[in-house]
Amino acid sequence: MKTEARRQFIHFLFGSFFISLIALLGVEQSFFVLAACFGTGILVSFLLKKGVKIPLLLHIVQRVERDYEKHLPGKGALLFFLAAIITIVLFQEKAIVLGALCVAVYGDAASTVFGLRFGKHKIAGKKTLEGTFGGIAASLFFLSFLFQWPVAIAAAFIGMIAELLPFDDNFTIGGLRC
């Protein structure tokens, strides 16, 4: 549980940074920053896999990596960068990209934290009803700053339902919530 909480905290921080970056710079310039981060992440992952010790990054990866991701160090971060890049390429409109990332970052983090803390009713594998509603509430909060209520509500529900699908949620949430 501690590992997952740490992982979601890092997800929240980096996600917030990229959401702020897109809000300030727009999608075109942010695309290049995300692409550079993705490329750097692939290089770092390769080096860590080969046994190169990069002190701070190695420490972070070891503390937040899920057991099934150890074959590709930093897999979660790499998939997040890739999903954000694909979202920018597909939608290109700043508000839609920001909305998609809000659900992917805040809804995903909240659903995990709420699910671990309050989850009692399993609905999809390890996912819980309580976690899903926590994710919807967090998503709705942030989406309400970008969209009118009907759109924000629909995006929050659709995005968090997409998290229940048996695919990597970095891709399903981004693609289905817009």
N, C-alpha and C. Protein backbone atom coordinates (compact mmCIF):
# COMPACT_ATOMS: atom_id res chain seq x y z
N MET A 1 0.83 -1.20 0.00
CA MET A 1 0.00 0.00 0.00
C MET A 1 0.87 1.26 0.00
N LYS A 2 1.98 1.24 0.76
CA LYS A 2 2.87 2.41 0.78
C LYS A 2 3.49 2.66 -0.60
N THR A 3 3.88 1.59 -1.27
CA THR A 3 4.47 1.74 -2.59
C THR A 3 3.47 2.38 -3.54
N GLU A 4 2.23 1.92 -3.50
CA GLU A 4 1.22 2.47 -4.40
C GLU A 4 0.90 3.93 -4.06
N ALA A 5 0.90 4.27 -2.76
CA ALA A 5 0.67 5.66 -2.36
C ALA A 5 1.81 6.55 -2.86
N ARG A 6 3.06 6.08 -2.72
CA ARG A 6 4.20 6.83 -3.23
C ARG A 6 4.09 7.01 -4.75
N ARG A 7 3.74 5.95 -5.41
CA ARG A 7 3.62 5.96 -6.87
C ARG A 7 2.58 6.99 -7.30
N GLN A 8 1.45 7.01 -6.64
CA GLN A 8 0.39 7.96 -7.00
C GLN A 8 0.78 9.39 -6.67
N PHE A 9 1.56 9.58 -5.60
CA PHE A 9 2.04 10.92 -5.26
C PHE A 9 2.95 11.45 -6.36
N ILE A 10 3.86 10.61 -6.84
CA ILE A 10 4.76 11.00 -7.94
C ILE A 10 3.95 11.25 -9.21
N HIS A 11 2.97 10.38 -9.48
CA HIS A 11 2.07 10.53 -10.62
C HIS A 11 1.36 11.89 -10.54
N PHE A 12 0.89 12.23 -9.37
CA PHE A 12 0.19 13.49 -9.12
C PHE A 12 1.12 14.68 -9.37
N LEU A 13 2.34 14.62 -8.83
CA LEU A 13 3.28 15.73 -8.98
C LEU A 13 3.70 15.95 -10.43
N PHE A 14 4.15 14.88 -11.08
CA PHE A 14 4.59 15.01 -12.47
C PHE A 14 3.41 15.36 -13.38
N GLY A 15 2.27 14.75 -13.14
CA GLY A 15 1.08 15.06 -13.92
C GLY A 15 0.68 16.52 -13.77
N SER A 16 0.73 17.03 -12.55
CA SER A 16 0.41 18.44 -12.30
C SER A 16 1.39 19.36 -13.01
N PHE A 17 2.66 18.96 -13.01
CA PHE A 17 3.68 19.74 -13.70
C PHE A 17 3.36 19.83 -15.20
N PHE A 18 3.02 18.70 -15.81
CA PHE A 18 2.74 18.71 -17.25
C PHE A 18 1.42 19.39 -17.58
N ILE A 19 0.45 19.28 -16.71
CA ILE A 19 -0.80 20.02 -16.91
C ILE A 19 -0.52 21.52 -16.87
N SER A 20 0.29 21.95 -15.90
CA SER A 20 0.66 23.37 -15.79
C SER A 20 1.46 23.81 -17.02
N LEU A 21 2.35 22.96 -17.47
CA LEU A 21 3.15 23.26 -18.65
C LEU A 21 2.26 23.49 -19.87
N ILE A 22 1.30 22.61 -20.08
CA ILE A 22 0.39 22.74 -21.22
C ILE A 22 -0.48 23.99 -21.07
N ALA A 23 -0.94 24.25 -19.84
CA ALA A 23 -1.76 25.44 -19.61
C ALA A 23 -0.98 26.71 -19.93
N LEU A 24 0.31 26.73 -19.59
CA LEU A 24 1.12 27.93 -19.80
C LEU A 24 1.71 28.04 -21.22
N LEU A 25 2.21 26.92 -21.74
CA LEU A 25 2.89 26.96 -23.04
C LEU A 25 2.03 26.58 -24.23
N GLY A 26 0.93 25.90 -23.97
CA GLY A 26 0.10 25.40 -25.06
C GLY A 26 0.54 24.00 -25.47
N VAL A 27 -0.23 23.39 -26.36
CA VAL A 27 0.02 21.99 -26.72
C VAL A 27 1.24 21.81 -27.62
N GLU A 28 1.48 22.75 -28.53
CA GLU A 28 2.59 22.56 -29.47
C GLU A 28 3.94 22.53 -28.76
N GLN A 29 4.22 23.54 -27.96
CA GLN A 29 5.50 23.58 -27.25
C GLN A 29 5.59 22.47 -26.21
N SER A 30 4.50 22.17 -25.55
CA SER A 30 4.50 21.11 -24.55
C SER A 30 4.77 19.75 -25.18
N PHE A 31 4.31 19.58 -26.41
CA PHE A 31 4.57 18.33 -27.13
C PHE A 31 6.07 18.04 -27.17
N PHE A 32 6.86 19.06 -27.50
CA PHE A 32 8.31 18.87 -27.61
C PHE A 32 8.95 18.57 -26.25
N VAL A 33 8.44 19.22 -25.21
CA VAL A 33 8.96 18.93 -23.86
C VAL A 33 8.63 17.50 -23.47
N LEU A 34 7.40 17.08 -23.71
CA LEU A 34 7.00 15.70 -23.38
C LEU A 34 7.78 14.69 -24.22
N ALA A 35 7.98 14.99 -25.50
CA ALA A 35 8.76 14.09 -26.36
C ALA A 35 10.19 13.98 -25.86
N ALA A 36 10.78 15.09 -25.44
CA ALA A 36 12.15 15.06 -24.91
C ALA A 36 12.20 14.26 -23.61
N CYS A 37 11.19 14.42 -22.77
CA CYS A 37 11.12 13.65 -21.52
C CYS A 37 10.97 12.16 -21.82
N PHE A 38 10.15 11.84 -22.80
CA PHE A 38 9.96 10.44 -23.18
C PHE A 38 11.26 9.84 -23.70
N GLY A 39 11.93 10.56 -24.58
CA GLY A 39 13.21 10.08 -25.11
C GLY A 39 14.25 9.91 -24.02
N THR A 40 14.33 10.88 -23.13
CA THR A 40 15.26 10.79 -21.99
C THR A 40 14.88 9.62 -21.10
N GLY A 41 13.57 9.43 -20.90
CA GLY A 41 13.09 8.31 -20.07
C GLY A 41 13.46 6.96 -20.65
N ILE A 42 13.38 6.83 -21.96
CA ILE A 42 13.77 5.57 -22.62
C ILE A 42 15.26 5.31 -22.39
N LEU A 43 16.07 6.35 -22.54
CA LEU A 43 17.51 6.22 -22.32
C LEU A 43 17.80 5.83 -20.87
N VAL A 44 17.18 6.52 -19.92
CA VAL A 44 17.39 6.21 -18.50
C VAL A 44 16.93 4.79 -18.19
N SER A 45 15.78 4.40 -18.72
CA SER A 45 15.28 3.04 -18.51
C SER A 45 16.27 2.01 -19.02
N PHE A 46 16.80 2.24 -20.21
CA PHE A 46 17.80 1.34 -20.80
C PHE A 46 19.03 1.25 -19.91
N LEU A 47 19.52 2.40 -19.45
CA LEU A 47 20.71 2.41 -18.60
C LEU A 47 20.47 1.68 -17.27
N LEU A 48 19.32 1.93 -16.66
CA LEU A 48 18.98 1.23 -15.40
C LEU A 48 18.88 -0.27 -15.63
N LYS A 49 18.28 -0.66 -16.73
CA LYS A 49 18.14 -2.08 -17.08
C LYS A 49 19.52 -2.73 -17.25
N LYS A 50 20.47 -1.98 -17.78
CA LYS A 50 21.83 -2.50 -18.00
C LYS A 50 22.67 -2.46 -16.72
N GLY A 51 22.10 -1.95 -15.62
CA GLY A 51 22.81 -1.95 -14.35
C GLY A 51 23.54 -0.67 -14.01
N VAL A 52 23.40 0.36 -14.83
CA VAL A 52 24.02 1.64 -14.52
C VAL A 52 23.26 2.25 -13.34
N LYS A 53 24.00 2.68 -12.35
CA LYS A 53 23.37 3.23 -11.15
C LYS A 53 23.29 4.76 -11.28
N ILE A 54 22.09 5.24 -11.47
CA ILE A 54 21.83 6.68 -11.51
C ILE A 54 21.13 6.97 -10.19
N PRO A 55 21.89 7.47 -9.18
CA PRO A 55 21.45 7.47 -7.78
C PRO A 55 20.00 7.88 -7.51
N LEU A 56 19.61 9.09 -7.79
CA LEU A 56 18.25 9.54 -7.44
C LEU A 56 17.19 8.77 -8.22
N LEU A 57 17.39 8.61 -9.51
CA LEU A 57 16.40 7.92 -10.33
C LEU A 57 16.27 6.45 -9.95
N LEU A 58 17.39 5.80 -9.68
CA LEU A 58 17.36 4.40 -9.27
C LEU A 58 16.58 4.25 -7.96
N HIS A 59 16.80 5.17 -7.03
CA HIS A 59 16.10 5.15 -5.75
C HIS A 59 14.59 5.31 -5.95
N ILE A 60 14.19 6.26 -6.78
CA ILE A 60 12.77 6.49 -7.04
C ILE A 60 12.13 5.27 -7.70
N VAL A 61 12.78 4.77 -8.74
CA VAL A 61 12.23 3.62 -9.47
C VAL A 61 12.08 2.42 -8.53
N GLN A 62 13.08 2.16 -7.70
CA GLN A 62 13.01 1.02 -6.79
C GLN A 62 11.89 1.16 -5.76
N ARG A 63 11.57 2.38 -5.38
CA ARG A 63 10.54 2.60 -4.35
C ARG A 63 9.12 2.62 -4.89
N VAL A 64 8.95 2.85 -6.18
CA VAL A 64 7.58 2.97 -6.71
C VAL A 64 7.22 1.95 -7.78
N GLU A 65 8.19 1.21 -8.24
CA GLU A 65 7.95 0.25 -9.32
C GLU A 65 7.09 -0.92 -8.84
N ARG A 66 6.11 -1.26 -9.64
CA ARG A 66 5.31 -2.46 -9.35
C ARG A 66 6.11 -3.68 -9.77
N ASP A 67 5.88 -4.79 -9.11
CA ASP A 67 6.66 -6.01 -9.38
C ASP A 67 6.62 -6.41 -10.85
N TYR A 68 5.45 -6.32 -11.47
CA TYR A 68 5.33 -6.76 -12.86
C TYR A 68 5.91 -5.77 -13.86
N GLU A 69 6.44 -4.63 -13.38
CA GLU A 69 7.03 -3.63 -14.28
C GLU A 69 8.56 -3.64 -14.22
N LYS A 70 9.12 -4.47 -13.39
CA LYS A 70 10.57 -4.43 -13.17
C LYS A 70 11.38 -4.78 -14.41
N HIS A 71 10.79 -5.45 -15.38
CA HIS A 71 11.50 -5.77 -16.62
C HIS A 71 11.79 -4.52 -17.45
N LEU A 72 11.05 -3.44 -17.21
CA LEU A 72 11.25 -2.18 -17.92
C LEU A 72 11.23 -1.05 -16.88
N PRO A 73 12.39 -0.67 -16.34
CA PRO A 73 12.41 0.38 -15.31
C PRO A 73 11.73 1.65 -15.78
N GLY A 74 10.86 2.18 -14.92
CA GLY A 74 10.16 3.41 -15.26
C GLY A 74 9.01 3.22 -16.22
N LYS A 75 8.52 2.00 -16.37
CA LYS A 75 7.47 1.70 -17.34
C LYS A 75 6.25 2.61 -17.16
N GLY A 76 5.81 2.79 -15.93
CA GLY A 76 4.63 3.62 -15.67
C GLY A 76 4.82 5.05 -16.16
N ALA A 77 5.98 5.63 -15.88
CA ALA A 77 6.26 7.00 -16.32
C ALA A 77 6.35 7.08 -17.84
N LEU A 78 7.00 6.09 -18.44
CA LEU A 78 7.12 6.07 -19.89
C LEU A 78 5.75 5.99 -20.56
N LEU A 79 4.88 5.15 -20.02
CA LEU A 79 3.54 5.03 -20.60
C LEU A 79 2.73 6.32 -20.42
N PHE A 80 2.93 6.99 -19.28
CA PHE A 80 2.24 8.26 -19.07
C PHE A 80 2.69 9.29 -20.10
N PHE A 81 4.02 9.43 -20.30
CA PHE A 81 4.53 10.37 -21.30
C PHE A 81 3.99 10.04 -22.69
N LEU A 82 4.04 8.76 -23.04
CA LEU A 82 3.56 8.35 -24.36
C LEU A 82 2.07 8.65 -24.54
N ALA A 83 1.28 8.35 -23.51
CA ALA A 83 -0.16 8.62 -23.58
C ALA A 83 -0.43 10.12 -23.71
N ALA A 84 0.32 10.94 -22.98
CA ALA A 84 0.15 12.40 -23.07
C ALA A 84 0.51 12.89 -24.48
N ILE A 85 1.58 12.35 -25.04
CA ILE A 85 1.99 12.72 -26.40
C ILE A 85 0.91 12.33 -27.40
N ILE A 86 0.39 11.12 -27.28
CA ILE A 86 -0.66 10.66 -28.20
C ILE A 86 -1.91 11.51 -28.05
N THR A 87 -2.26 11.88 -26.82
CA THR A 87 -3.43 12.73 -26.59
C THR A 87 -3.25 14.08 -27.28
N ILE A 88 -2.06 14.65 -27.19
CA ILE A 88 -1.79 15.94 -27.85
C ILE A 88 -1.91 15.78 -29.37
N VAL A 89 -1.32 14.72 -29.90
CA VAL A 89 -1.35 14.51 -31.36
C VAL A 89 -2.79 14.31 -31.85
N LEU A 90 -3.56 13.52 -31.11
CA LEU A 90 -4.92 13.21 -31.55
C LEU A 90 -5.89 14.38 -31.43
N PHE A 91 -5.79 15.14 -30.34
CA PHE A 91 -6.83 16.14 -30.07
C PHE A 91 -6.39 17.58 -30.31
N GLN A 92 -5.15 17.91 -30.08
CA GLN A 92 -4.52 19.19 -30.37
C GLN A 92 -5.18 20.41 -29.73
N GLU A 93 -6.41 20.34 -29.31
CA GLU A 93 -7.07 21.47 -28.67
C GLU A 93 -6.70 21.49 -27.19
N LYS A 94 -6.23 22.63 -26.74
CA LYS A 94 -5.70 22.78 -25.38
C LYS A 94 -6.69 22.32 -24.30
N ALA A 95 -7.93 22.74 -24.38
CA ALA A 95 -8.91 22.39 -23.34
C ALA A 95 -9.15 20.89 -23.30
N ILE A 96 -9.22 20.25 -24.44
CA ILE A 96 -9.46 18.80 -24.47
C ILE A 96 -8.26 18.05 -23.91
N VAL A 97 -7.06 18.47 -24.29
CA VAL A 97 -5.85 17.82 -23.78
C VAL A 97 -5.76 18.01 -22.26
N LEU A 98 -6.02 19.22 -21.80
CA LEU A 98 -5.99 19.47 -20.35
C LEU A 98 -7.05 18.63 -19.63
N GLY A 99 -8.24 18.55 -20.20
CA GLY A 99 -9.29 17.75 -19.58
C GLY A 99 -8.91 16.28 -19.51
N ALA A 100 -8.36 15.76 -20.60
CA ALA A 100 -7.94 14.36 -20.63
C ALA A 100 -6.87 14.10 -19.57
N LEU A 101 -5.91 15.00 -19.48
CA LEU A 101 -4.84 14.81 -18.49
C LEU A 101 -5.34 14.98 -17.06
N CYS A 102 -6.31 15.85 -16.85
CA CYS A 102 -6.88 16.00 -15.51
C CYS A 102 -7.49 14.69 -15.02
N VAL A 103 -8.22 14.02 -15.89
CA VAL A 103 -8.80 12.73 -15.49
C VAL A 103 -7.70 11.69 -15.30
N ALA A 104 -6.74 11.67 -16.24
CA ALA A 104 -5.65 10.68 -16.15
C ALA A 104 -4.80 10.88 -14.91
N VAL A 105 -4.59 12.12 -14.52
CA VAL A 105 -3.73 12.40 -13.36
C VAL A 105 -4.53 12.39 -12.07
N TYR A 106 -5.50 13.27 -11.96
CA TYR A 106 -6.19 13.45 -10.69
C TYR A 106 -7.22 12.35 -10.42
N GLY A 107 -7.96 11.98 -11.45
CA GLY A 107 -8.94 10.90 -11.27
C GLY A 107 -8.28 9.58 -10.96
N ASP A 108 -7.21 9.27 -11.70
CA ASP A 108 -6.48 8.01 -11.48
C ASP A 108 -5.87 7.97 -10.08
N ALA A 109 -5.19 9.05 -9.69
CA ALA A 109 -4.56 9.09 -8.36
C ALA A 109 -5.62 8.97 -7.26
N ALA A 110 -6.69 9.74 -7.38
CA ALA A 110 -7.74 9.70 -6.36
C ALA A 110 -8.41 8.34 -6.29
N SER A 111 -8.65 7.72 -7.44
CA SER A 111 -9.33 6.42 -7.42
C SER A 111 -8.46 5.38 -6.70
N THR A 112 -7.17 5.45 -6.89
CA THR A 112 -6.28 4.51 -6.21
C THR A 112 -6.28 4.77 -4.70
N VAL A 113 -6.10 6.02 -4.32
CA VAL A 113 -6.04 6.35 -2.89
C VAL A 113 -7.37 6.04 -2.20
N PHE A 114 -8.48 6.46 -2.80
CA PHE A 114 -9.79 6.18 -2.21
C PHE A 114 -10.07 4.67 -2.18
N GLY A 115 -9.71 3.99 -3.25
CA GLY A 115 -9.93 2.55 -3.30
C GLY A 115 -9.14 1.81 -2.24
N LEU A 116 -7.88 2.18 -2.05
CA LEU A 116 -7.06 1.52 -1.03
C LEU A 116 -7.55 1.84 0.37
N ARG A 117 -7.99 3.06 0.58
CA ARG A 117 -8.40 3.49 1.93
C ARG A 117 -9.82 3.07 2.28
N PHE A 118 -10.75 3.22 1.35
CA PHE A 118 -12.16 3.01 1.66
C PHE A 118 -12.81 1.87 0.89
N GLY A 119 -12.10 1.30 -0.07
CA GLY A 119 -12.70 0.31 -0.97
C GLY A 119 -13.18 -0.95 -0.29
N LYS A 120 -14.44 -1.24 -0.48
CA LYS A 120 -15.05 -2.46 0.08
C LYS A 120 -15.79 -3.26 -0.99
N HIS A 121 -16.20 -2.58 -2.05
CA HIS A 121 -17.03 -3.23 -3.07
C HIS A 121 -16.27 -3.36 -4.37
N LYS A 122 -15.73 -4.55 -4.63
CA LYS A 122 -14.96 -4.81 -5.85
C LYS A 122 -15.88 -4.78 -7.06
N ILE A 123 -15.39 -4.13 -8.14
CA ILE A 123 -16.21 -4.09 -9.35
C ILE A 123 -15.44 -4.53 -10.60
N ALA A 124 -14.11 -4.47 -10.57
CA ALA A 124 -13.33 -4.89 -11.75
C ALA A 124 -11.92 -5.24 -11.28
N GLY A 125 -11.65 -6.51 -11.10
CA GLY A 125 -10.34 -6.91 -10.61
C GLY A 125 -10.08 -6.33 -9.24
N LYS A 126 -9.05 -5.50 -9.12
CA LYS A 126 -8.72 -4.86 -7.85
C LYS A 126 -9.46 -3.53 -7.67
N LYS A 127 -10.17 -3.09 -8.67
CA LYS A 127 -10.87 -1.79 -8.63
C LYS A 127 -12.09 -1.89 -7.74
N THR A 128 -12.40 -0.77 -7.08
CA THR A 128 -13.56 -0.73 -6.19
C THR A 128 -14.51 0.39 -6.58
N LEU A 129 -15.74 0.23 -6.17
CA LEU A 129 -16.75 1.25 -6.39
C LEU A 129 -16.36 2.55 -5.70
N GLU A 130 -15.85 2.45 -4.48
CA GLU A 130 -15.45 3.64 -3.72
C GLU A 130 -14.30 4.37 -4.41
N GLY A 131 -13.34 3.62 -4.93
CA GLY A 131 -12.23 4.24 -5.65
C GLY A 131 -12.71 4.93 -6.92
N THR A 132 -13.62 4.28 -7.63
CA THR A 132 -14.15 4.87 -8.86
C THR A 132 -14.88 6.18 -8.56
N PHE A 133 -15.68 6.20 -7.50
CA PHE A 133 -16.40 7.44 -7.17
C PHE A 133 -15.44 8.52 -6.66
N GLY A 134 -14.37 8.12 -5.96
CA GLY A 134 -13.34 9.09 -5.56
C GLY A 134 -12.67 9.70 -6.78
N GLY A 135 -12.39 8.87 -7.78
CA GLY A 135 -11.79 9.35 -9.03
C GLY A 135 -12.73 10.27 -9.79
N ILE A 136 -14.01 9.93 -9.80
CA ILE A 136 -15.00 10.78 -10.47
C ILE A 136 -15.06 12.14 -9.78
N ALA A 137 -15.08 12.15 -8.46
CA ALA A 137 -15.17 13.42 -7.71
C ALA A 137 -13.94 14.29 -7.97
N ALA A 138 -12.75 13.69 -7.92
CA ALA A 138 -11.53 14.46 -8.16
C ALA A 138 -11.50 14.98 -9.60
N SER A 139 -11.84 14.12 -10.54
CA SER A 139 -11.87 14.54 -11.95
C SER A 139 -12.85 15.68 -12.15
N LEU A 140 -14.03 15.53 -11.58
CA LEU A 140 -15.07 16.54 -11.74
C LEU A 140 -14.62 17.88 -11.17
N PHE A 141 -13.94 17.85 -10.04
CA PHE A 141 -13.45 19.09 -9.44
C PHE A 141 -12.57 19.85 -10.44
N PHE A 142 -11.59 19.17 -11.00
CA PHE A 142 -10.65 19.83 -11.92
C PHE A 142 -11.29 20.15 -13.26
N LEU A 143 -12.12 19.25 -13.76
CA LEU A 143 -12.79 19.49 -15.04
C LEU A 143 -13.75 20.67 -14.99
N SER A 144 -14.30 20.95 -13.80
CA SER A 144 -15.25 22.05 -13.68
C SER A 144 -14.60 23.41 -13.94
N PHE A 145 -13.28 23.48 -13.86
CA PHE A 145 -12.58 24.72 -14.18
C PHE A 145 -12.37 24.90 -15.68
N LEU A 146 -12.53 23.81 -16.42
CA LEU A 146 -12.27 23.84 -17.87
C LEU A 146 -13.54 23.82 -18.72
N PHE A 147 -14.58 23.17 -18.20
CA PHE A 147 -15.78 22.93 -19.01
C PHE A 147 -17.04 23.27 -18.21
N GLN A 148 -18.14 23.44 -18.93
CA GLN A 148 -19.42 23.61 -18.26
C GLN A 148 -19.81 22.29 -17.62
N TRP A 149 -20.68 22.36 -16.61
CA TRP A 149 -21.00 21.19 -15.79
C TRP A 149 -21.42 19.94 -16.58
N PRO A 150 -22.30 20.02 -17.55
CA PRO A 150 -22.68 18.78 -18.25
C PRO A 150 -21.49 18.07 -18.90
N VAL A 151 -20.60 18.86 -19.51
CA VAL A 151 -19.42 18.27 -20.16
C VAL A 151 -18.47 17.72 -19.10
N ALA A 152 -18.27 18.47 -18.03
CA ALA A 152 -17.37 18.03 -16.95
C ALA A 152 -17.87 16.72 -16.31
N ILE A 153 -19.16 16.64 -16.07
CA ILE A 153 -19.74 15.43 -15.47
C ILE A 153 -19.58 14.24 -16.41
N ALA A 154 -19.92 14.44 -17.67
CA ALA A 154 -19.80 13.34 -18.65
C ALA A 154 -18.35 12.89 -18.78
N ALA A 155 -17.42 13.84 -18.87
CA ALA A 155 -16.00 13.49 -19.01
C ALA A 155 -15.48 12.75 -17.79
N ALA A 156 -15.88 13.19 -16.60
CA ALA A 156 -15.43 12.52 -15.36
C ALA A 156 -15.94 11.09 -15.31
N PHE A 157 -17.22 10.89 -15.60
CA PHE A 157 -17.80 9.54 -15.56
C PHE A 157 -17.19 8.64 -16.65
N ILE A 158 -17.12 9.13 -17.86
CA ILE A 158 -16.58 8.32 -18.96
C ILE A 158 -15.11 7.99 -18.72
N GLY A 159 -14.34 8.99 -18.28
CA GLY A 159 -12.93 8.77 -18.02
C GLY A 159 -12.68 7.74 -16.93
N MET A 160 -13.46 7.79 -15.88
CA MET A 160 -13.23 6.84 -14.78
C MET A 160 -13.81 5.46 -15.10
N ILE A 161 -14.83 5.41 -15.92
CA ILE A 161 -15.32 4.10 -16.37
C ILE A 161 -14.26 3.46 -17.27
N ALA A 162 -13.58 4.28 -18.06
CA ALA A 162 -12.50 3.77 -18.92
C ALA A 162 -11.39 3.13 -18.10
N GLU A 163 -11.19 3.62 -16.89
CA GLU A 163 -10.16 3.03 -16.02
C GLU A 163 -10.50 1.59 -15.65
N LEU A 164 -11.74 1.25 -15.70
CA LEU A 164 -12.16 -0.11 -15.34
C LEU A 164 -11.88 -1.12 -16.45
N LEU A 165 -11.58 -0.64 -17.65
CA LEU A 165 -11.30 -1.54 -18.77
C LEU A 165 -9.98 -2.29 -18.53
N PRO A 166 -9.85 -3.48 -19.09
CA PRO A 166 -8.65 -4.28 -18.83
C PRO A 166 -7.43 -3.90 -19.69
N PHE A 167 -7.19 -2.59 -19.83
CA PHE A 167 -6.06 -2.08 -20.59
C PHE A 167 -5.32 -1.10 -19.71
N ASP A 168 -4.13 -0.70 -20.12
CA ASP A 168 -3.38 0.30 -19.36
C ASP A 168 -4.17 1.60 -19.33
N ASP A 169 -4.48 2.08 -18.12
CA ASP A 169 -5.34 3.25 -18.01
C ASP A 169 -4.71 4.54 -18.51
N ASN A 170 -3.40 4.57 -18.71
CA ASN A 170 -2.80 5.76 -19.31
C ASN A 170 -3.38 5.99 -20.71
N PHE A 171 -3.77 4.94 -21.36
CA PHE A 171 -4.32 5.05 -22.72
C PHE A 171 -5.84 5.09 -22.73
N THR A 172 -6.49 4.26 -21.93
CA THR A 172 -7.95 4.20 -21.98
C THR A 172 -8.58 5.48 -21.44
N ILE A 173 -8.05 6.02 -20.35
CA ILE A 173 -8.64 7.23 -19.78
C ILE A 173 -8.48 8.39 -20.76
N GLY A 174 -7.30 8.56 -21.29
CA GLY A 174 -7.04 9.68 -22.21
C GLY A 174 -7.90 9.61 -23.45
N GLY A 175 -8.02 8.44 -24.03
CA GLY A 175 -8.75 8.31 -25.28
C GLY A 175 -10.26 8.35 -25.13
N LEU A 176 -10.80 7.80 -24.04
CA LEU A 176 -12.25 7.70 -23.92
C LEU A 176 -12.88 8.89 -23.22
N ARG A 177 -12.16 9.66 -22.49
CA ARG A 177 -12.80 10.75 -21.76
C ARG A 177 -13.03 11.97 -22.62
N CYS A 178 -12.38 12.07 -23.75
CA CYS A 178 -12.55 13.25 -24.61
C CYS A 178 -13.69 13.02 -25.47
